Amino acid sequence: GVVGWVYVSYAGAVGFATAADAVAFHGPFALALWSLVRAVATHPGPVPEEWHSFDPSIVPLHVKRGGRELKSSGKVRYCRRCQCYKPDRAHHDSSSDQCVLRMDHHCPWINNTVGHRNQKYFLLFVGYMTFCSVYIFGTSIPASVRVLQYLLYPMGPPSLPRILWAVNWLLADTVAGLFSVTLSMFLYFHVCLAAQNMTTIEFMEKKDKLKTVDQVHLYDLGVKENLIAVFGRQWYLWWLPVYTTPGDGVHFPNILDVD
């Protein structure tokens, strides 16, 4: 695809001068591919079977267990499509036609929905791809300048193959630059959400409903605890696409439970 074309063009125009250069790029690139596979292959989080037979009359028990998201009538939320009651932060995903725990959004890039079980892999994939895009674009600037000089001030008669090669490289480098900007903004947005313990759905549709009287997000326990809610407490495993996300995706600590 596009990523392969940019990579081949970069390898032909700039390449990796030293082993350190090759490791600096291919290490994060391998982690990006590993994260992508995990994000695609991991189910975002099915609603537990017991919620299909949940007794809606036991609302006090739901609240006692930490449940906070009730309908305006005081009843537990119910999905007619899945015919089950929905835990806090769970939503129906129309793409897969099922409810997903702590659903964030459906991502066409990974052809999967981002939820409780694969959000970490998604964030790692975006993060490592952002690094790779910035690396390619940043280290290729001198080569792009030389290519432009060749096109604008050719030395000797023009050569069609070399002109086509030069145009191809400039297009590939432009795409790498666009990827760098777009992915950086995308990564910044999702890291900010993770740092607030907020999903995209909550940001777009439910932000006001999840505020307390003090105008604080209900699940915002501070940046450190919020990131731990996604990446786990073992910080040295944050960077690897292995499952470290704590919790069951059904019950979530919130500021009303913290003394």
C-alpha atoms as a PDB file:
ATOM      1  CA  GLY A   1       0.000   0.000   0.000  1.00  0.00           C
ATOM      2  CA  VAL A   2       0.932   3.614   0.547  1.00  0.00           C
ATOM      3  CA  VAL A   3       3.169   2.792   3.517  1.00  0.00           C
ATOM      4  CA  GLY A   4       5.154   0.291   1.443  1.00  0.00           C
ATOM      5  CA  TRP A   5       5.547   2.757  -1.423  1.00  0.00           C
ATOM      6  CA  VAL A   6       6.850   5.485   0.923  1.00  0.00           C
ATOM      7  CA  TYR A   7       9.224   3.016   2.588  1.00  0.00           C
ATOM      8  CA  VAL A   8      10.673   1.734  -0.706  1.00  0.00           C
ATOM      9  CA  SER A   9      11.049   5.284  -2.022  1.00  0.00           C
ATOM     10  CA  TYR A  10      12.812   6.346   1.174  1.00  0.00           C
ATOM     11  CA  ALA A  11      15.136   3.334   1.131  1.00  0.00           C
ATOM     12  CA  GLY A  12      16.084   4.121  -2.480  1.00  0.00           C
ATOM     13  CA  ALA A  13      16.558   7.861  -2.030  1.00  0.00           C
ATOM     14  CA  VAL A  14      18.000   8.096   1.486  1.00  0.00           C
ATOM     15  CA  GLY A  15      18.547   4.614   2.877  1.00  0.00           C
ATOM     16  CA  PHE A  16      20.072   3.745   6.236  1.00  0.00           C
ATOM     17  CA  ALA A  17      23.701   4.806   6.409  1.00  0.00           C
ATOM     18  CA  THR A  18      24.567   2.894   9.583  1.00  0.00           C
ATOM     19  CA  ALA A  19      23.263  -0.034  11.589  1.00  0.00           C
ATOM     20  CA  ALA A  20      22.156   2.430  14.250  1.00  0.00           C
ATOM     21  CA  ASP A  21      19.998   4.245  11.682  1.00  0.00           C
ATOM     22  CA  ALA A  22      18.434   0.963  10.593  1.00  0.00           C
ATOM     23  CA  VAL A  23      17.662  -0.063  14.175  1.00  0.00           C
ATOM     24  CA  ALA A  24      16.311   3.403  15.058  1.00  0.00           C
ATOM     25  CA  PHE A  25      13.699   3.061  12.331  1.00  0.00           C
ATOM     26  CA  HIS A  26      12.988  -0.651  12.047  1.00  0.00           C
ATOM     27  CA  GLY A  27      12.665  -1.175  15.815  1.00  0.00           C
ATOM     28  CA  PRO A  28       9.654   1.151  16.181  1.00  0.00           C
ATOM     29  CA  PHE A  29       8.357   0.018  12.776  1.00  0.00           C
ATOM     30  CA  ALA A  30       8.340  -3.617  13.929  1.00  0.00           C
ATOM     31  CA  LEU A  31       6.541  -2.588  17.126  1.00  0.00           C
ATOM     32  CA  ALA A  32       4.012  -0.680  15.012  1.00  0.00           C
ATOM     33  CA  LEU A  33       3.285  -3.783  12.932  1.00  0.00           C
ATOM     34  CA  TRP A  34       3.055  -5.932  16.074  1.00  0.00           C
ATOM     35  CA  SER A  35       0.654  -3.416  17.639  1.00  0.00           C
ATOM     36  CA  LEU A  36      -1.407  -3.336  14.462  1.00  0.00           C
ATOM     37  CA  VAL A  37      -1.794  -7.118  14.450  1.00  0.00           C
ATOM     38  CA  ARG A  38      -2.854  -7.117  18.097  1.00  0.00           C
ATOM     39  CA  ALA A  39      -5.297  -4.218  17.559  1.00  0.00           C
ATOM     40  CA  VAL A  40      -6.892  -5.981  14.591  1.00  0.00           C
ATOM     41  CA  ALA A  41      -6.995  -9.483  16.094  1.00  0.00           C
ATOM     42  CA  THR A  42      -8.120  -8.579  19.618  1.00  0.00           C
ATOM     43  CA  HIS A  43     -11.832  -8.338  20.378  1.00  0.00           C
ATOM     44  CA  PRO A  44     -12.487  -4.875  21.842  1.00  0.00           C
ATOM     45  CA  GLY A  45     -14.510  -6.381  24.690  1.00  0.00           C
ATOM     46  CA  PRO A  46     -17.802  -8.314  24.634  1.00  0.00           C
ATOM     47  CA  VAL A  47     -20.456  -7.663  27.265  1.00  0.00           C
ATOM     48  CA  PRO A  48     -20.323 -10.495  29.837  1.00  0.00           C
ATOM     49  CA  GLU A  49     -23.010 -13.143  29.576  1.00  0.00           C
ATOM     50  CA  GLU A  50     -24.500 -12.274  32.969  1.00  0.00           C
ATOM     51  CA  TRP A  51     -25.545  -8.897  31.643  1.00  0.00           C
ATOM     52  CA  HIS A  52     -27.900 -10.639  29.237  1.00  0.00           C
ATOM     53  CA  SER A  53     -29.840 -11.905  32.243  1.00  0.00           C
ATOM     54  CA  PHE A  54     -29.275  -8.880  34.464  1.00  0.00           C
ATOM     55  CA  ASP A  55     -32.218  -8.158  36.754  1.00  0.00           C
ATOM     56  CA  PRO A  56     -33.171  -4.512  36.057  1.00  0.00           C
ATOM     57  CA  SER A  57     -35.023  -4.321  39.363  1.00  0.00           C
ATOM     58  CA  ILE A  58     -31.710  -4.550  41.261  1.00  0.00           C
ATOM     59  CA  VAL A  59     -30.576  -1.038  40.353  1.00  0.00           C
ATOM     60  CA  PRO A  60     -29.282  -0.343  43.891  1.00  0.00           C
ATOM     61  CA  LEU A  61     -26.956  -3.361  43.523  1.00  0.00           C
ATOM     62  CA  HIS A  62     -25.698  -1.990  40.201  1.00  0.00           C
ATOM     63  CA  VAL A  63     -24.940   1.354  41.828  1.00  0.00           C
ATOM     64  CA  LYS A  64     -23.370  -0.352  44.846  1.00  0.00           C
ATOM     65  CA  ARG A  65     -20.974  -2.138  42.497  1.00  0.00           C
ATOM     66  CA  GLY A  66     -19.890   1.213  41.123  1.00  0.00           C
ATOM     67  CA  GLY A  67     -22.364   1.662  38.290  1.00  0.00           C
ATOM     68  CA  ARG A  68     -23.061   5.319  37.584  1.00  0.00           C
ATOM     69  CA  GLU A  69     -24.586   5.519  34.130  1.00  0.00           C
ATOM     70  CA  LEU A  70     -28.342   5.148  34.458  1.00  0.00           C
ATOM     71  CA  LYS A  71     -31.134   6.380  32.219  1.00  0.00           C
ATOM     72  CA  SER A  72     -33.022   9.511  33.239  1.00  0.00           C
ATOM     73  CA  SER A  73     -35.727   7.201  34.577  1.00  0.00           C
ATOM     74  CA  GLY A  74     -33.187   5.641  36.940  1.00  0.00           C
ATOM     75  CA  LYS A  75     -33.094   2.337  35.071  1.00  0.00           C
ATOM     76  CA  VAL A  76     -30.025   0.524  33.789  1.00  0.00           C
ATOM     77  CA  ARG A  77     -29.314   1.151  30.102  1.00  0.00           C
ATOM     78  CA  TYR A  78     -30.605  -1.539  27.767  1.00  0.00           C
ATOM     79  CA  CYS A  79     -29.596  -2.445  24.193  1.00  0.00           C
ATOM     80  CA  ARG A  80     -32.522  -3.681  22.125  1.00  0.00           C
ATOM     81  CA  ARG A  81     -30.244  -4.932  19.342  1.00  0.00           C
ATOM     82  CA  CYS A  82     -28.184  -7.193  21.612  1.00  0.00           C
ATOM     83  CA  GLN A  83     -31.027  -7.713  24.075  1.00  0.00           C
ATOM     84  CA  CYS A  84     -28.796  -7.129  27.038  1.00  0.00           C
ATOM     85  CA  TYR A  85     -28.226  -4.490  29.675  1.00  0.00           C
ATOM     86  CA  LYS A  86     -25.215  -2.276  29.167  1.00  0.00           C
ATOM     87  CA  PRO A  87     -22.467  -1.753  31.763  1.00  0.00           C
ATOM     88  CA  ASP A  88     -21.089   1.724  32.289  1.00  0.00           C
ATOM     89  CA  ARG A  89     -19.229   3.098  29.236  1.00  0.00           C
ATOM     90  CA  ALA A  90     -20.415   0.234  26.999  1.00  0.00           C
ATOM     91  CA  HIS A  91     -22.052   1.150  23.683  1.00  0.00           C
ATOM     92  CA  HIS A  92     -23.530  -0.643  20.723  1.00  0.00           C
ATOM     93  CA  ASP A  93     -21.147  -0.810  17.780  1.00  0.00           C
ATOM     94  CA  SER A  94     -23.146  -0.689  14.557  1.00  0.00           C
ATOM     95  CA  SER A  95     -20.166  -1.941  12.513  1.00  0.00           C
ATOM     96  CA  SER A  96     -19.960  -5.280  14.332  1.00  0.00           C
ATOM     97  CA  ASP A  97     -23.575  -5.201  15.547  1.00  0.00           C
ATOM     98  CA  GLN A  98     -22.663  -5.873  19.162  1.00  0.00           C
ATOM     99  CA  CYS A  99     -22.134  -3.971  22.378  1.00  0.00           C
ATOM    100  CA  VAL A 100     -18.513  -3.197  23.261  1.00  0.00           C
ATOM    101  CA  LEU A 101     -17.058  -2.541  26.705  1.00  0.00           C
ATOM    102  CA  ARG A 102     -15.700   0.983  27.139  1.00  0.00           C
ATOM    103  CA  MET A 103     -16.149   1.582  23.440  1.00  0.00           C
ATOM    104  CA  ASP A 104     -13.995   4.356  22.012  1.00  0.00           C
ATOM    105  CA  HIS A 105     -14.720   4.359  18.275  1.00  0.00           C
ATOM    106  CA  HIS A 106     -14.716   2.180  15.180  1.00  0.00           C
ATOM    107  CA  CYS A 107     -11.445   2.572  13.292  1.00  0.00           C
ATOM    108  CA  PRO A 108     -11.348   1.745   9.555  1.00  0.00           C
ATOM    109  CA  TRP A 109      -7.524   1.713   9.701  1.00  0.00           C
ATOM    110  CA  ILE A 110      -7.555  -1.463  11.766  1.00  0.00           C
ATOM    111  CA  ASN A 111     -10.938  -2.689  10.518  1.00  0.00           C
ATOM    112  CA  ASN A 112     -11.973  -3.140  14.125  1.00  0.00           C
ATOM    113  CA  THR A 113     -13.590  -1.271  16.973  1.00  0.00           C
ATOM    114  CA  VAL A 114     -11.388   0.239  19.662  1.00  0.00           C
ATOM    115  CA  GLY A 115     -12.548  -0.735  23.130  1.00  0.00           C
ATOM    116  CA  HIS A 116     -11.425  -1.843  26.559  1.00  0.00           C
ATOM    117  CA  ARG A 117      -9.296  -4.780  25.444  1.00  0.00           C
ATOM    118  CA  ASN A 118      -7.460  -3.307  22.454  1.00  0.00           C
ATOM    119  CA  GLN A 119      -7.198   0.425  23.170  1.00  0.00           C
ATOM    120  CA  LYS A 120      -3.596   0.034  24.314  1.00  0.00           C
ATOM    121  CA  TYR A 121      -2.633  -1.684  21.058  1.00  0.00           C
ATOM    122  CA  PHE A 122      -4.360   1.038  19.046  1.00  0.00           C
ATOM    123  CA  LEU A 123      -2.532   3.827  20.881  1.00  0.00           C
ATOM    124  CA  LEU A 124       0.807   2.061  20.468  1.00  0.00           C
ATOM    125  CA  PHE A 125       0.172   1.544  16.761  1.00  0.00           C
ATOM    126  CA  VAL A 126      -0.628   5.226  16.222  1.00  0.00           C
ATOM    127  CA  GLY A 127       2.331   6.281  18.369  1.00  0.00           C
ATOM    128  CA  TYR A 128       4.912   4.131  16.604  1.00  0.00           C
ATOM    129  CA  MET A 129       3.574   5.007  13.146  1.00  0.00           C
ATOM    130  CA  THR A 130       3.782   8.679  14.070  1.00  0.00           C
ATOM    131  CA  PHE A 131       7.426   8.223  15.030  1.00  0.00           C
ATOM    132  CA  CYS A 132       8.200   6.369  11.784  1.00  0.00           C
ATOM    133  CA  SER A 133       6.499   9.043   9.662  1.00  0.00           C
ATOM    134  CA  VAL A 134       8.316  11.884  11.422  1.00  0.00           C
ATOM    135  CA  TYR A 135      11.608   9.966  11.160  1.00  0.00           C
ATOM    136  CA  ILE A 136      11.260   9.462   7.404  1.00  0.00           C
ATOM    137  CA  PHE A 137      10.165  13.020   6.738  1.00  0.00           C
ATOM    138  CA  GLY A 138      12.779  14.606   8.998  1.00  0.00           C
ATOM    139  CA  THR A 139      15.770  12.612   7.770  1.00  0.00           C
ATOM    140  CA  SER A 140      14.788  12.976   4.110  1.00  0.00           C
ATOM    141  CA  ILE A 141      14.762  16.782   3.993  1.00  0.00           C
ATOM    142  CA  PRO A 142      18.366  17.055   2.660  1.00  0.00           C
ATOM    143  CA  ALA A 143      17.597  14.487  -0.049  1.00  0.00           C
ATOM    144  CA  SER A 144      14.446  16.362  -1.025  1.00  0.00           C
ATOM    145  CA  VAL A 145      16.411  19.601  -1.326  1.00  0.00           C
ATOM    146  CA  ARG A 146      18.912  17.913  -3.652  1.00  0.00           C
ATOM    147  CA  VAL A 147      16.101  16.437  -5.756  1.00  0.00           C
ATOM    148  CA  LEU A 148      14.451  19.837  -6.102  1.00  0.00           C
ATOM    149  CA  GLN A 149      17.751  21.364  -7.139  1.00  0.00           C
ATOM    150  CA  TYR A 150      18.117  18.649  -9.777  1.00  0.00           C
ATOM    151  CA  LEU A 151      14.651  19.353 -11.179  1.00  0.00           C
ATOM    152  CA  LEU A 152      14.956  23.147 -11.099  1.00  0.00           C
ATOM    153  CA  TYR A 153      18.600  23.425 -12.115  1.00  0.00           C
ATOM    154  CA  PRO A 154      19.478  20.284 -14.104  1.00  0.00           C
ATOM    155  CA  MET A 155      23.118  19.684 -14.913  1.00  0.00           C
ATOM    156  CA  GLY A 156      23.203  18.492 -18.505  1.00  0.00           C
ATOM    157  CA  PRO A 157      20.375  17.119 -20.648  1.00  0.00           C
ATOM    158  CA  PRO A 158      17.297  15.872 -18.762  1.00  0.00           C
ATOM    159  CA  SER A 159      16.849  12.154 -18.295  1.00  0.00           C
ATOM    160  CA  LEU A 160      13.270  10.881 -18.244  1.00  0.00           C
ATOM    161  CA  PRO A 161      13.964   7.981 -15.823  1.00  0.00           C
ATOM    162  CA  ARG A 162      15.730  10.296 -13.398  1.00  0.00           C
ATOM    163  CA  ILE A 163      12.949  12.883 -13.661  1.00  0.00           C
ATOM    164  CA  LEU A 164      10.331  10.229 -12.943  1.00  0.00           C
ATOM    165  CA  TRP A 165      12.399   8.972 -10.010  1.00  0.00           C
ATOM    166  CA  ALA A 166      12.736  12.508  -8.660  1.00  0.00           C
ATOM    167  CA  VAL A 167       8.999  13.220  -8.970  1.00  0.00           C
ATOM    168  CA  ASN A 168       8.163   9.888  -7.350  1.00  0.00           C
ATOM    169  CA  TRP A 169      10.424  10.680  -4.410  1.00  0.00           C
ATOM    170  CA  LEU A 170       8.988  14.163  -3.907  1.00  0.00           C
ATOM    171  CA  LEU A 171       5.464  12.729  -3.919  1.00  0.00           C
ATOM    172  CA  ALA A 172       6.447  10.033  -1.422  1.00  0.00           C
ATOM    173  CA  ASP A 173       8.151  12.566   0.836  1.00  0.00           C
ATOM    174  CA  THR A 174       5.091  14.821   0.659  1.00  0.00           C
ATOM    175  CA  VAL A 175       2.896  11.910   1.720  1.00  0.00           C
ATOM    176  CA  ALA A 176       5.298  11.180   4.598  1.00  0.00           C
ATOM    177  CA  GLY A 177       5.005  14.823   5.653  1.00  0.00           C
ATOM    178  CA  LEU A 178       1.207  14.680   5.543  1.00  0.00           C
ATOM    179  CA  PHE A 179       1.269  11.457   7.553  1.00  0.00           C
ATOM    180  CA  SER A 180       3.560  13.109  10.096  1.00  0.00           C
ATOM    181  CA  VAL A 181       1.231  16.048  10.645  1.00  0.00           C
ATOM    182  CA  THR A 182      -2.009  14.049  10.578  1.00  0.00           C
ATOM    183  CA  LEU A 183      -0.788  11.237  12.815  1.00  0.00           C
ATOM    184  CA  SER A 184       0.803  13.678  15.267  1.00  0.00           C
ATOM    185  CA  MET A 185      -2.517  15.494  15.676  1.00  0.00           C
ATOM    186  CA  PHE A 186      -4.398  12.192  15.923  1.00  0.00           C
ATOM    187  CA  LEU A 187      -1.955  10.865  18.525  1.00  0.00           C
ATOM    188  CA  TYR A 188      -2.129  14.089  20.539  1.00  0.00           C
ATOM    189  CA  PHE A 189      -5.942  13.910  20.588  1.00  0.00           C
ATOM    190  CA  HIS A 190      -6.074  10.306  21.784  1.00  0.00           C
ATOM    191  CA  VAL A 191      -3.279  10.700  24.352  1.00  0.00           C
ATOM    192  CA  CYS A 192      -5.145  13.705  25.777  1.00  0.00           C
ATOM    193  CA  LEU A 193      -8.296  11.607  26.015  1.00  0.00           C
ATOM    194  CA  ALA A 194      -6.409   8.757  27.707  1.00  0.00           C
ATOM    195  CA  ALA A 195      -4.847  11.212  30.154  1.00  0.00           C
ATOM    196  CA  GLN A 196      -8.389  12.268  31.119  1.00  0.00           C
ATOM    197  CA  ASN A 197      -9.745   8.695  31.161  1.00  0.00           C
ATOM    198  CA  MET A 198     -12.239   9.696  28.489  1.00  0.00           C
ATOM    199  CA  THR A 199     -13.311   7.835  25.357  1.00  0.00           C
ATOM    200  CA  THR A 200     -14.012   9.457  22.015  1.00  0.00           C
ATOM    201  CA  ILE A 201     -17.730   8.766  22.455  1.00  0.00           C
ATOM    202  CA  GLU A 202     -17.706  10.436  25.860  1.00  0.00           C
ATOM    203  CA  PHE A 203     -15.834  13.401  24.416  1.00  0.00           C
ATOM    204  CA  MET A 204     -18.153  13.810  21.431  1.00  0.00           C
ATOM    205  CA  GLU A 205     -21.550  12.919  22.850  1.00  0.00           C
ATOM    206  CA  LYS A 206     -21.559  12.479  26.598  1.00  0.00           C
ATOM    207  CA  LYS A 207     -19.045  14.929  27.969  1.00  0.00           C
ATOM    208  CA  ASP A 208     -21.652  17.082  29.689  1.00  0.00           C
ATOM    209  CA  LYS A 209     -23.537  14.091  31.112  1.00  0.00           C
ATOM    210  CA  LEU A 210     -20.393  12.719  32.734  1.00  0.00           C
ATOM    211  CA  LYS A 211     -19.603  15.866  34.648  1.00  0.00           C
ATOM    212  CA  THR A 212     -20.210  16.283  38.343  1.00  0.00           C
ATOM    213  CA  VAL A 213     -21.351  19.417  40.083  1.00  0.00           C
ATOM    214  CA  ASP A 214     -17.714  20.560  40.146  1.00  0.00           C
ATOM    215  CA  GLN A 215     -17.491  20.230  36.343  1.00  0.00           C
ATOM    216  CA  VAL A 216     -14.952  17.401  36.587  1.00  0.00           C
ATOM    217  CA  HIS A 217     -15.044  14.319  34.370  1.00  0.00           C
ATOM    218  CA  LEU A 218     -16.515  11.441  36.387  1.00  0.00           C
ATOM    219  CA  TYR A 219     -13.722   8.944  35.598  1.00  0.00           C
ATOM    220  CA  ASP A 220     -10.832  11.410  35.777  1.00  0.00           C
ATOM    221  CA  LEU A 221      -8.621  10.142  38.626  1.00  0.00           C
ATOM    222  CA  GLY A 222      -5.538  12.148  37.667  1.00  0.00           C
ATOM    223  CA  VAL A 223      -3.146  11.701  34.756  1.00  0.00           C
ATOM    224  CA  LYS A 224      -1.136   8.875  36.351  1.00  0.00           C
ATOM    225  CA  GLU A 225      -4.122   6.727  37.320  1.00  0.00           C
ATOM    226  CA  ASN A 226      -5.852   7.500  34.032  1.00  0.00           C
ATOM    227  CA  LEU A 227      -2.898   6.206  32.014  1.00  0.00           C
ATOM    228  CA  ILE A 228      -2.636   3.184  34.290  1.00  0.00           C
ATOM    229  CA  ALA A 229      -6.281   2.426  33.440  1.00  0.00           C
ATOM    230  CA  VAL A 230      -5.163   1.849  29.832  1.00  0.00           C
ATOM    231  CA  PHE A 231      -1.539   0.689  30.065  1.00  0.00           C
ATOM    232  CA  GLY A 232      -1.406  -1.000  33.473  1.00  0.00           C
ATOM    233  CA  ARG A 233       0.856  -0.438  36.477  1.00  0.00           C
ATOM    234  CA  GLN A 234       3.987  -2.047  35.017  1.00  0.00           C
ATOM    235  CA  TRP A 235       5.400   1.009  33.235  1.00  0.00           C
ATOM    236  CA  TYR A 236       8.165  -1.018  31.573  1.00  0.00           C
ATOM    237  CA  LEU A 237       5.478  -2.926  29.647  1.00  0.00           C
ATOM    238  CA  TRP A 238       3.660   0.199  28.477  1.00  0.00           C
ATOM    239  CA  TRP A 239       5.735   0.252  25.286  1.00  0.00           C
ATOM    240  CA  LEU A 240       5.056  -3.349  24.265  1.00  0.00           C
ATOM    241  CA  PRO A 241       1.841  -4.609  22.627  1.00  0.00           C
ATOM    242  CA  VAL A 242       1.128  -7.128  25.397  1.00  0.00           C
ATOM    243  CA  TYR A 243      -2.080  -7.100  27.407  1.00  0.00           C
ATOM    244  CA  THR A 244      -1.641  -5.123  30.637  1.00  0.00           C
ATOM    245  CA  THR A 245      -4.934  -3.199  30.825  1.00  0.00           C
ATOM    246  CA  PRO A 246      -6.401  -3.650  34.321  1.00  0.00           C
ATOM    247  CA  GLY A 247     -10.030  -4.232  35.213  1.00  0.00           C
ATOM    248  CA  ASP A 248     -12.868  -6.177  33.647  1.00  0.00           C
ATOM    249  CA  GLY A 249     -14.240  -3.386  31.449  1.00  0.00           C
ATOM    250  CA  VAL A 250     -17.465  -3.409  33.446  1.00  0.00           C
ATOM    251  CA  HIS A 251     -16.617  -1.650  36.692  1.00  0.00           C
ATOM    252  CA  PHE A 252     -14.597   1.563  36.710  1.00  0.00           C
ATOM    253  CA  PRO A 253     -13.249   3.595  39.655  1.00  0.00           C
ATOM    254  CA  ASN A 254     -14.609   7.135  39.617  1.00  0.00           C
ATOM    255  CA  ILE A 255     -14.224  10.271  41.650  1.00  0.00           C
ATOM    256  CA  LEU A 256     -17.434   9.583  43.564  1.00  0.00           C
ATOM    257  CA  ASP A 257     -15.888   6.375  44.933  1.00  0.00           C
ATOM    258  CA  VAL A 258     -12.578   7.955  45.954  1.00  0.00           C
ATOM    259  CA  ASP A 259     -12.381   9.250  49.487  1.00  0.00           C
END
